[in-house]
C-alpha atoms as a PDB file:
ATOM      1  CA  MET A   1       6.752 -21.254  20.345  1.00  0.00           C
ATOM      2  CA  THR A   2       5.713 -17.994  21.959  1.00  0.00           C
ATOM      3  CA  ARG A   3       2.598 -16.052  20.973  1.00  0.00           C
ATOM      4  CA  ALA A   4       4.750 -13.098  19.859  1.00  0.00           C
ATOM      5  CA  LYS A   5       6.794 -15.352  17.563  1.00  0.00           C
ATOM      6  CA  ASN A   6       3.607 -16.789  16.033  1.00  0.00           C
ATOM      7  CA  ILE A   7       2.307 -13.293  15.330  1.00  0.00           C
ATOM      8  CA  ALA A   8       5.622 -12.266  13.772  1.00  0.00           C
ATOM      9  CA  ASP A   9       5.709 -15.417  11.615  1.00  0.00           C
ATOM     10  CA  VAL A  10       2.205 -14.752  10.293  1.00  0.00           C
ATOM     11  CA  ARG A  11       2.917 -11.059   9.681  1.00  0.00           C
ATOM     12  CA  PHE A  12       6.156 -11.686   7.805  1.00  0.00           C
ATOM     13  CA  ALA A  13       4.714 -14.627   5.873  1.00  0.00           C
ATOM     14  CA  LYS A  14       2.052 -12.267   4.501  1.00  0.00           C
ATOM     15  CA  VAL A  15       4.662  -9.679   3.552  1.00  0.00           C
ATOM     16  CA  ARG A  16       6.757 -12.313   1.743  1.00  0.00           C
ATOM     17  CA  ALA A  17       3.688 -13.569  -0.136  1.00  0.00           C
ATOM     18  CA  ASP A  18       2.728  -9.993  -1.045  1.00  0.00           C
ATOM     19  CA  HIS A  19       6.229  -9.290  -2.391  1.00  0.00           C
ATOM     20  CA  SER A  20       6.004 -12.292  -4.682  1.00  0.00           C
ATOM     21  CA  LYS A  21       2.786 -10.889  -6.214  1.00  0.00           C
ATOM     22  CA  GLU A  22       3.994  -7.286  -6.518  1.00  0.00           C
ATOM     23  CA  THR A  23       5.921  -7.704  -9.745  1.00  0.00           C
ATOM     24  CA  ALA A  24       3.083  -9.525 -11.470  1.00  0.00           C
ATOM     25  CA  GLU A  25       0.586  -6.883 -10.354  1.00  0.00           C
ATOM     26  CA  ASP A  26       2.830  -3.995 -11.390  1.00  0.00           C
ATOM     27  CA  TYR A  27       3.505  -5.543 -14.791  1.00  0.00           C
ATOM     28  CA  VAL A  28      -0.097  -6.408 -15.669  1.00  0.00           C
ATOM     29  CA  GLU A  29      -1.218  -2.962 -14.537  1.00  0.00           C
ATOM     30  CA  GLY A  30       1.575  -1.383 -16.596  1.00  0.00           C
ATOM     31  CA  ILE A  31       0.794  -3.475 -19.675  1.00  0.00           C
ATOM     32  CA  SER A  32      -2.890  -2.610 -19.383  1.00  0.00           C
ATOM     33  CA  ASP A  33      -2.128   1.106 -18.978  1.00  0.00           C
ATOM     34  CA  ILE A  34       0.141   1.133 -22.033  1.00  0.00           C
ATOM     35  CA  ILE A  35      -2.393  -0.778 -24.147  1.00  0.00           C
ATOM     36  CA  HIS A  36      -5.156   1.639 -23.161  1.00  0.00           C
ATOM     37  CA  ARG A  37      -2.924   4.646 -23.833  1.00  0.00           C
ATOM     38  CA  GLN A  38      -1.210   3.509 -27.077  1.00  0.00           C
ATOM     39  CA  GLY A  39      -3.202   0.567 -28.390  1.00  0.00           C
ATOM     40  CA  THR A  40      -0.323  -1.904 -28.070  1.00  0.00           C
ATOM     41  CA  CYS A  41       2.401  -2.725 -25.555  1.00  0.00           C
ATOM     42  CA  ARG A  42       5.852  -3.844 -26.595  1.00  0.00           C
ATOM     43  CA  VAL A  43       8.784  -4.980 -24.504  1.00  0.00           C
ATOM     44  CA  LYS A  44      10.539  -1.656 -25.047  1.00  0.00           C
ATOM     45  CA  ASP A  45       7.462   0.184 -23.711  1.00  0.00           C
ATOM     46  CA  MET A  46       7.485  -1.880 -20.518  1.00  0.00           C
ATOM     47  CA  ALA A  47      11.245  -1.506 -20.114  1.00  0.00           C
ATOM     48  CA  LYS A  48      10.891   2.259 -20.303  1.00  0.00           C
ATOM     49  CA  GLN A  49       7.876   2.394 -17.969  1.00  0.00           C
ATOM     50  CA  MET A  50       9.369   0.060 -15.363  1.00  0.00           C
ATOM     51  CA  GLY A  51      12.906   1.430 -15.625  1.00  0.00           C
ATOM     52  CA  VAL A  52      14.387  -2.001 -16.260  1.00  0.00           C
ATOM     53  CA  SER A  53      16.251  -3.738 -19.052  1.00  0.00           C
ATOM     54  CA  HIS A  54      14.741  -5.442 -22.073  1.00  0.00           C
ATOM     55  CA  VAL A  55      15.969  -8.796 -20.705  1.00  0.00           C
ATOM     56  CA  THR A  56      14.226  -8.216 -17.360  1.00  0.00           C
ATOM     57  CA  VAL A  57      10.949  -7.521 -19.143  1.00  0.00           C
ATOM     58  CA  VAL A  58      11.293 -10.605 -21.365  1.00  0.00           C
ATOM     59  CA  ARG A  59      11.937 -12.821 -18.313  1.00  0.00           C
ATOM     60  CA  THR A  60       9.065 -11.298 -16.365  1.00  0.00           C
ATOM     61  CA  ILE A  61       6.654 -11.646 -19.287  1.00  0.00           C
ATOM     62  CA  ALA A  62       7.679 -15.306 -19.600  1.00  0.00           C
ATOM     63  CA  ARG A  63       6.784 -15.758 -15.919  1.00  0.00           C
ATOM     64  CA  LEU A  64       3.454 -13.978 -16.448  1.00  0.00           C
ATOM     65  CA  ALA A  65       2.753 -16.275 -19.412  1.00  0.00           C
ATOM     66  CA  LYS A  66       3.402 -19.346 -17.231  1.00  0.00           C
ATOM     67  CA  GLU A  67       0.946 -17.926 -14.690  1.00  0.00           C
ATOM     68  CA  GLY A  68      -1.670 -17.426 -17.417  1.00  0.00           C
ATOM     69  CA  LEU A  69      -1.622 -13.616 -17.136  1.00  0.00           C
ATOM     70  CA  ALA A  70      -0.038 -12.555 -20.433  1.00  0.00           C
ATOM     71  CA  THR A  71       0.982 -13.782 -23.852  1.00  0.00           C
ATOM     72  CA  SER A  72       3.857 -12.716 -26.028  1.00  0.00           C
ATOM     73  CA  GLU A  73       5.700 -13.868 -29.103  1.00  0.00           C
ATOM     74  CA  PRO A  74       9.026 -12.583 -30.408  1.00  0.00           C
ATOM     75  CA  TYR A  75       8.636  -9.232 -32.186  1.00  0.00           C
ATOM     76  CA  ARG A  76       4.925  -9.100 -31.325  1.00  0.00           C
ATOM     77  CA  PRO A  77       3.069  -6.946 -28.785  1.00  0.00           C
ATOM     78  CA  ILE A  78       2.468  -8.172 -25.259  1.00  0.00           C
ATOM     79  CA  ARG A  79      -1.144  -9.051 -24.571  1.00  0.00           C
ATOM     80  CA  LEU A  80      -2.960  -9.721 -21.332  1.00  0.00           C
ATOM     81  CA  THR A  81      -5.185 -12.736 -20.920  1.00  0.00           C
ATOM     82  CA  ALA A  82      -8.639 -12.288 -19.379  1.00  0.00           C
ATOM     83  CA  LYS A  83      -7.074 -13.363 -16.079  1.00  0.00           C
ATOM     84  CA  GLY A  84      -4.339 -10.745 -16.526  1.00  0.00           C
ATOM     85  CA  GLU A  85      -6.879  -8.024 -17.311  1.00  0.00           C
ATOM     86  CA  ARG A  86      -8.846  -8.904 -14.155  1.00  0.00           C
ATOM     87  CA  LEU A  87      -5.667  -8.724 -12.056  1.00  0.00           C
ATOM     88  CA  ALA A  88      -4.754  -5.380 -13.638  1.00  0.00           C
ATOM     89  CA  ALA A  89      -8.215  -3.988 -12.898  1.00  0.00           C
ATOM     90  CA  ARG A  90      -8.086  -5.150  -9.255  1.00  0.00           C
ATOM     91  CA  SER A  91      -4.600  -3.717  -8.834  1.00  0.00           C
ATOM     92  CA  ARG A  92      -5.603  -0.388 -10.418  1.00  0.00           C
ATOM     93  CA  HIS A  93      -8.697  -0.219  -8.177  1.00  0.00           C
ATOM     94  CA  ARG A  94      -6.612  -0.843  -5.024  1.00  0.00           C
ATOM     95  CA  HIS A  95      -4.116   1.759  -6.174  1.00  0.00           C
ATOM     96  CA  GLU A  96      -6.839   4.365  -6.730  1.00  0.00           C
ATOM     97  CA  ILE A  97      -8.337   3.756  -3.278  1.00  0.00           C
ATOM     98  CA  VAL A  98      -4.959   3.983  -1.529  1.00  0.00           C
ATOM     99  CA  LEU A  99      -4.009   7.104  -3.506  1.00  0.00           C
ATOM    100  CA  SER A 100      -7.353   8.769  -2.713  1.00  0.00           C
ATOM    101  CA  PHE A 101      -6.931   7.875   0.953  1.00  0.00           C
ATOM    102  CA  LEU A 102      -3.444   9.373   1.149  1.00  0.00           C
ATOM    103  CA  LEU A 103      -4.593  12.529  -0.636  1.00  0.00           C
ATOM    104  CA  ALA A 104      -7.568  12.814   1.760  1.00  0.00           C
ATOM    105  CA  LEU A 105      -5.091  12.676   4.639  1.00  0.00           C
ATOM    106  CA  GLY A 106      -3.323  15.674   3.133  1.00  0.00           C
ATOM    107  CA  VAL A 107      -0.253  13.853   1.813  1.00  0.00           C
ATOM    108  CA  ARG A 108       1.430  15.821  -0.983  1.00  0.00           C
ATOM    109  CA  PRO A 109       0.365  14.418  -4.385  1.00  0.00           C
ATOM    110  CA  VAL A 110       3.909  13.487  -5.418  1.00  0.00           C
ATOM    111  CA  ASP A 111       4.446  11.581  -2.151  1.00  0.00           C
ATOM    112  CA  ALA A 112       0.986  10.020  -2.233  1.00  0.00           C
ATOM    113  CA  ALA A 113       1.571   8.716  -5.774  1.00  0.00           C
ATOM    114  CA  ARG A 114       4.917   7.187  -4.802  1.00  0.00           C
ATOM    115  CA  ASP A 115       3.672   5.716  -1.524  1.00  0.00           C
ATOM    116  CA  ALA A 116       0.510   4.276  -3.051  1.00  0.00           C
ATOM    117  CA  GLU A 117       2.687   2.168  -5.371  1.00  0.00           C
ATOM    118  CA  GLY A 118       4.028   0.223  -2.411  1.00  0.00           C
ATOM    119  CA  ILE A 119       1.050   0.221  -0.094  1.00  0.00           C
ATOM    120  CA  GLU A 120      -1.425  -1.079  -2.682  1.00  0.00           C
ATOM    121  CA  HIS A 121       0.268  -4.492  -2.684  1.00  0.00           C
ATOM    122  CA  HIS A 122       0.207  -4.991   1.065  1.00  0.00           C
ATOM    123  CA  VAL A 123      -3.127  -3.625   2.223  1.00  0.00           C
ATOM    124  CA  SER A 124      -5.653  -6.180   3.476  1.00  0.00           C
ATOM    125  CA  PRO A 125      -9.184  -6.266   2.074  1.00  0.00           C
ATOM    126  CA  ASP A 126     -10.563  -4.985   5.397  1.00  0.00           C
ATOM    127  CA  THR A 127      -8.092  -2.102   5.551  1.00  0.00           C
ATOM    128  CA  LEU A 128      -8.838  -1.233   1.922  1.00  0.00           C
ATOM    129  CA  LYS A 129     -12.569  -1.229   2.695  1.00  0.00           C
ATOM    130  CA  ARG A 130     -11.968   1.138   5.608  1.00  0.00           C
ATOM    131  CA  MET A 131      -9.758   3.402   3.486  1.00  0.00           C
ATOM    132  CA  LYS A 132     -12.504   3.601   0.879  1.00  0.00           C
ATOM    133  CA  ALA A 133     -15.124   4.407   3.546  1.00  0.00           C
ATOM    134  CA  PHE A 134     -12.856   7.131   4.918  1.00  0.00           C
ATOM    135  CA  VAL A 135     -12.432   8.669   1.466  1.00  0.00           C
ATOM    136  CA  VAL A 136     -16.190   8.604   0.848  1.00  0.00           C
ATOM    137  CA  GLU A 137     -16.894  10.205   4.241  1.00  0.00           C
ATOM    138  CA  HIS A 138     -14.121  12.770   3.735  1.00  0.00           C
ATOM    139  CA  SER A 139     -15.510  13.741   0.330  1.00  0.00           C
ATOM    140  CA  ARG A 140     -18.952  14.330   1.896  1.00  0.00           C
ATOM    141  CA  GLN A 141     -17.438  16.639   4.509  1.00  0.00           C
ATOM    142  CA  SER A 142     -15.055  18.417   2.141  1.00  0.00           C
ATOM    143  CA  PRO A 143     -16.005  22.010   1.247  1.00  0.00           C
ATOM    144  CA  ALA A 144     -14.924  21.272  -2.336  1.00  0.00           C
ATOM    145  CA  SER A 145     -17.802  18.839  -2.739  1.00  0.00           C
ATOM    146  CA  HIS A 146     -20.455  21.492  -1.951  1.00  0.00           C
END
C-alpha cells in the first residue's frame, strides 16, 4: 500500500466516524437548547427544530437511548442523561469556538452560523485549540475591545 493511500484511508476513516457522531451531537445539543428555552422538549419540538418527521425523531431518540444519551417514554418529554448533557455541552462549546473563529475571519454571520454547524463535528482538538487561540488574540487586537 502506498503512503498516499494510507493517508487517504486515515483521513476518510475519520470523516466517516465523525459523520456517525454528527446526528447524536446535533440531537443532544438541540434537546438541551429546547429544554433550556422552554423547560421541556417533546418529539414535535425536535421535529420542528431539525426539519424532520416525527418518525425520524422517534427513531433517533431510540438510538440515543441505546447509547445512554437520552430517555423518552410515549407521550412524555425527551430528557437527556448526564452523559447526554455532557455531550451537548461539549458540542455547544465546539460550535461557539468555530462560530467565533469564522466571525473573526470576517465571514458574514449568516454564513458563519451555517458553516459552523458542519465544521464543529469534524474539527480536531488541536485545530479547535488553535481556533480558540486565534479568536482570543483577535479580540485583544480588535478596536471594539478597547
